[in-house]
Amino acid sequence: MRLFIVLALVIAIAIILFAMQNSAIVTISFLSFHYTGSLALIVAVLFTLGLLAGLLVSLPSLLKKHLDLREHKKKIKRLEENASKNSLSKPDGQE
């Protein structure tokens, strides 16, 4: 947990330093859309959009793995129950 907090603080400090050093005003144009704003803000927004796009692309794979894992856990539980029933039904000394 401490490592996570230290890593979060290092990232936060890096973001603050980046924003302080890149406060220039830039204009972004896309088709007929124009936006003028801080370079650091634009980079942060675009990074966040890229992160969300990556998560959306990987979401089907993550969901499939989650469903497969749940199915395997159910199968393991069912097999363990069958094994325990079989071991209880056999008399002592027989296997």
C-alpha atoms as a PDB file:
ATOM      1  CA  MET A   1       0.000   0.000   0.000  1.00  0.00           C
ATOM      2  CA  ARG A   2       2.852   2.371   0.805  1.00  0.00           C
ATOM      3  CA  LEU A   3       4.419   1.702  -2.583  1.00  0.00           C
ATOM      4  CA  PHE A   4       1.136   2.651  -4.247  1.00  0.00           C
ATOM      5  CA  ILE A   5       0.974   5.933  -2.294  1.00  0.00           C
ATOM      6  CA  VAL A   6       4.607   6.778  -3.107  1.00  0.00           C
ATOM      7  CA  LEU A   7       4.031   5.982  -6.788  1.00  0.00           C
ATOM      8  CA  ALA A   8       0.881   8.141  -6.836  1.00  0.00           C
ATOM      9  CA  LEU A   9       2.799  11.040  -5.263  1.00  0.00           C
ATOM     10  CA  VAL A  10       5.631  10.734  -7.794  1.00  0.00           C
ATOM     11  CA  ILE A  11       3.133  10.746 -10.668  1.00  0.00           C
ATOM     12  CA  ALA A  12       1.273  13.736  -9.176  1.00  0.00           C
ATOM     13  CA  ILE A  13       4.523  15.687  -8.806  1.00  0.00           C
ATOM     14  CA  ALA A  14       5.488  14.841 -12.394  1.00  0.00           C
ATOM     15  CA  ILE A  15       2.099  16.065 -13.628  1.00  0.00           C
ATOM     16  CA  ILE A  16       2.407  19.311 -11.677  1.00  0.00           C
ATOM     17  CA  LEU A  17       5.920  19.920 -13.020  1.00  0.00           C
ATOM     18  CA  PHE A  18       4.756  19.177 -16.567  1.00  0.00           C
ATOM     19  CA  ALA A  19       1.828  21.591 -16.228  1.00  0.00           C
ATOM     20  CA  MET A  20       4.071  24.345 -14.830  1.00  0.00           C
ATOM     21  CA  GLN A  21       6.638  23.976 -17.597  1.00  0.00           C
ATOM     22  CA  ASN A  22       4.106  23.683 -20.431  1.00  0.00           C
ATOM     23  CA  SER A  23       1.654  26.459 -19.737  1.00  0.00           C
ATOM     24  CA  ALA A  24       1.871  27.883 -23.255  1.00  0.00           C
ATOM     25  CA  ILE A  25      -1.390  28.592 -25.013  1.00  0.00           C
ATOM     26  CA  VAL A  26      -1.936  26.525 -28.156  1.00  0.00           C
ATOM     27  CA  THR A  27      -4.747  26.182 -30.667  1.00  0.00           C
ATOM     28  CA  ILE A  28      -6.048  22.756 -31.628  1.00  0.00           C
ATOM     29  CA  SER A  29      -7.974  22.358 -34.882  1.00  0.00           C
ATOM     30  CA  PHE A  30      -9.977  19.318 -35.881  1.00  0.00           C
ATOM     31  CA  LEU A  31     -12.287  19.566 -38.883  1.00  0.00           C
ATOM     32  CA  SER A  32     -14.252  22.757 -38.154  1.00  0.00           C
ATOM     33  CA  PHE A  33     -13.631  22.611 -34.406  1.00  0.00           C
ATOM     34  CA  HIS A  34     -11.024  24.976 -32.935  1.00  0.00           C
ATOM     35  CA  TYR A  35      -9.959  25.095 -29.290  1.00  0.00           C
ATOM     36  CA  THR A  36      -7.435  27.392 -27.676  1.00  0.00           C
ATOM     37  CA  GLY A  37      -6.078  26.389 -24.286  1.00  0.00           C
ATOM     38  CA  SER A  38      -3.144  25.380 -22.155  1.00  0.00           C
ATOM     39  CA  LEU A  39      -0.792  22.816 -23.687  1.00  0.00           C
ATOM     40  CA  ALA A  40      -0.689  20.840 -20.428  1.00  0.00           C
ATOM     41  CA  LEU A  41      -4.486  20.705 -20.212  1.00  0.00           C
ATOM     42  CA  ILE A  42      -4.812  19.571 -23.817  1.00  0.00           C
ATOM     43  CA  VAL A  43      -2.173  16.859 -23.355  1.00  0.00           C
ATOM     44  CA  ALA A  44      -3.870  15.660 -20.162  1.00  0.00           C
ATOM     45  CA  VAL A  45      -7.289  15.511 -21.840  1.00  0.00           C
ATOM     46  CA  LEU A  46      -5.908  13.671 -24.865  1.00  0.00           C
ATOM     47  CA  PHE A  47      -4.037  11.227 -22.617  1.00  0.00           C
ATOM     48  CA  THR A  48      -7.265  10.525 -20.723  1.00  0.00           C
ATOM     49  CA  LEU A  49      -9.184  10.003 -23.970  1.00  0.00           C
ATOM     50  CA  GLY A  50      -6.489   7.607 -25.179  1.00  0.00           C
ATOM     51  CA  LEU A  51      -6.644   5.701 -21.906  1.00  0.00           C
ATOM     52  CA  LEU A  52     -10.427   5.387 -22.183  1.00  0.00           C
ATOM     53  CA  ALA A  53     -10.156   4.249 -25.809  1.00  0.00           C
ATOM     54  CA  GLY A  54      -7.647   1.586 -24.788  1.00  0.00           C
ATOM     55  CA  LEU A  55      -9.918   0.373 -22.002  1.00  0.00           C
ATOM     56  CA  LEU A  56     -12.887   0.186 -24.360  1.00  0.00           C
ATOM     57  CA  VAL A  57     -10.873  -1.834 -26.873  1.00  0.00           C
ATOM     58  CA  SER A  58      -9.687  -4.291 -24.207  1.00  0.00           C
ATOM     59  CA  LEU A  59     -13.065  -4.545 -22.434  1.00  0.00           C
ATOM     60  CA  PRO A  60     -14.449  -7.483 -24.504  1.00  0.00           C
ATOM     61  CA  SER A  61     -11.325  -9.541 -23.820  1.00  0.00           C
ATOM     62  CA  LEU A  62     -11.419  -8.719 -20.104  1.00  0.00           C
ATOM     63  CA  LEU A  63     -15.103  -9.650 -19.873  1.00  0.00           C
ATOM     64  CA  LYS A  64     -14.516 -12.949 -21.681  1.00  0.00           C
ATOM     65  CA  LYS A  65     -11.673 -13.835 -19.306  1.00  0.00           C
ATOM     66  CA  HIS A  66     -13.840 -12.934 -16.313  1.00  0.00           C
ATOM     67  CA  LEU A  67     -16.718 -15.112 -17.548  1.00  0.00           C
ATOM     68  CA  ASP A  68     -14.348 -18.013 -18.309  1.00  0.00           C
ATOM     69  CA  LEU A  69     -12.837 -17.733 -14.830  1.00  0.00           C
ATOM     70  CA  ARG A  70     -16.268 -17.780 -13.212  1.00  0.00           C
ATOM     71  CA  GLU A  71     -17.218 -20.850 -15.251  1.00  0.00           C
ATOM     72  CA  HIS A  72     -13.999 -22.649 -14.266  1.00  0.00           C
ATOM     73  CA  LYS A  73     -14.547 -21.843 -10.587  1.00  0.00           C
ATOM     74  CA  LYS A  74     -18.059 -23.323 -10.764  1.00  0.00           C
ATOM     75  CA  LYS A  75     -16.691 -26.431 -12.453  1.00  0.00           C
ATOM     76  CA  ILE A  76     -13.977 -26.812  -9.785  1.00  0.00           C
ATOM     77  CA  LYS A  77     -16.545 -26.461  -7.013  1.00  0.00           C
ATOM     78  CA  ARG A  78     -18.786 -29.045  -8.661  1.00  0.00           C
ATOM     79  CA  LEU A  79     -15.866 -31.478  -9.077  1.00  0.00           C
ATOM     80  CA  GLU A  80     -14.772 -30.959  -5.452  1.00  0.00           C
ATOM     81  CA  GLU A  81     -18.315 -31.678  -4.254  1.00  0.00           C
ATOM     82  CA  ASN A  82     -18.442 -34.856  -6.354  1.00  0.00           C
ATOM     83  CA  ALA A  83     -15.038 -35.954  -5.050  1.00  0.00           C
ATOM     84  CA  SER A  84     -16.081 -35.403  -1.441  1.00  0.00           C
ATOM     85  CA  LYS A  85     -19.330 -37.334  -2.008  1.00  0.00           C
ATOM     86  CA  ASN A  86     -17.412 -40.215  -3.580  1.00  0.00           C
ATOM     87  CA  SER A  87     -14.888 -40.358  -0.742  1.00  0.00           C
ATOM     88  CA  LEU A  88     -17.679 -40.368   1.864  1.00  0.00           C
ATOM     89  CA  SER A  89     -19.619 -43.161   0.150  1.00  0.00           C
ATOM     90  CA  LYS A  90     -16.665 -45.608   0.087  1.00  0.00           C
ATOM     91  CA  PRO A  91     -16.036 -47.780   3.156  1.00  0.00           C
ATOM     92  CA  ASP A  92     -12.813 -47.419   5.155  1.00  0.00           C
ATOM     93  CA  GLY A  93      -9.771 -49.049   3.566  1.00  0.00           C
ATOM     94  CA  GLN A  94     -11.186 -48.931   0.035  1.00  0.00           C
ATOM     95  CA  GLU A  95     -10.337 -46.349  -2.541  1.00  0.00           C
END
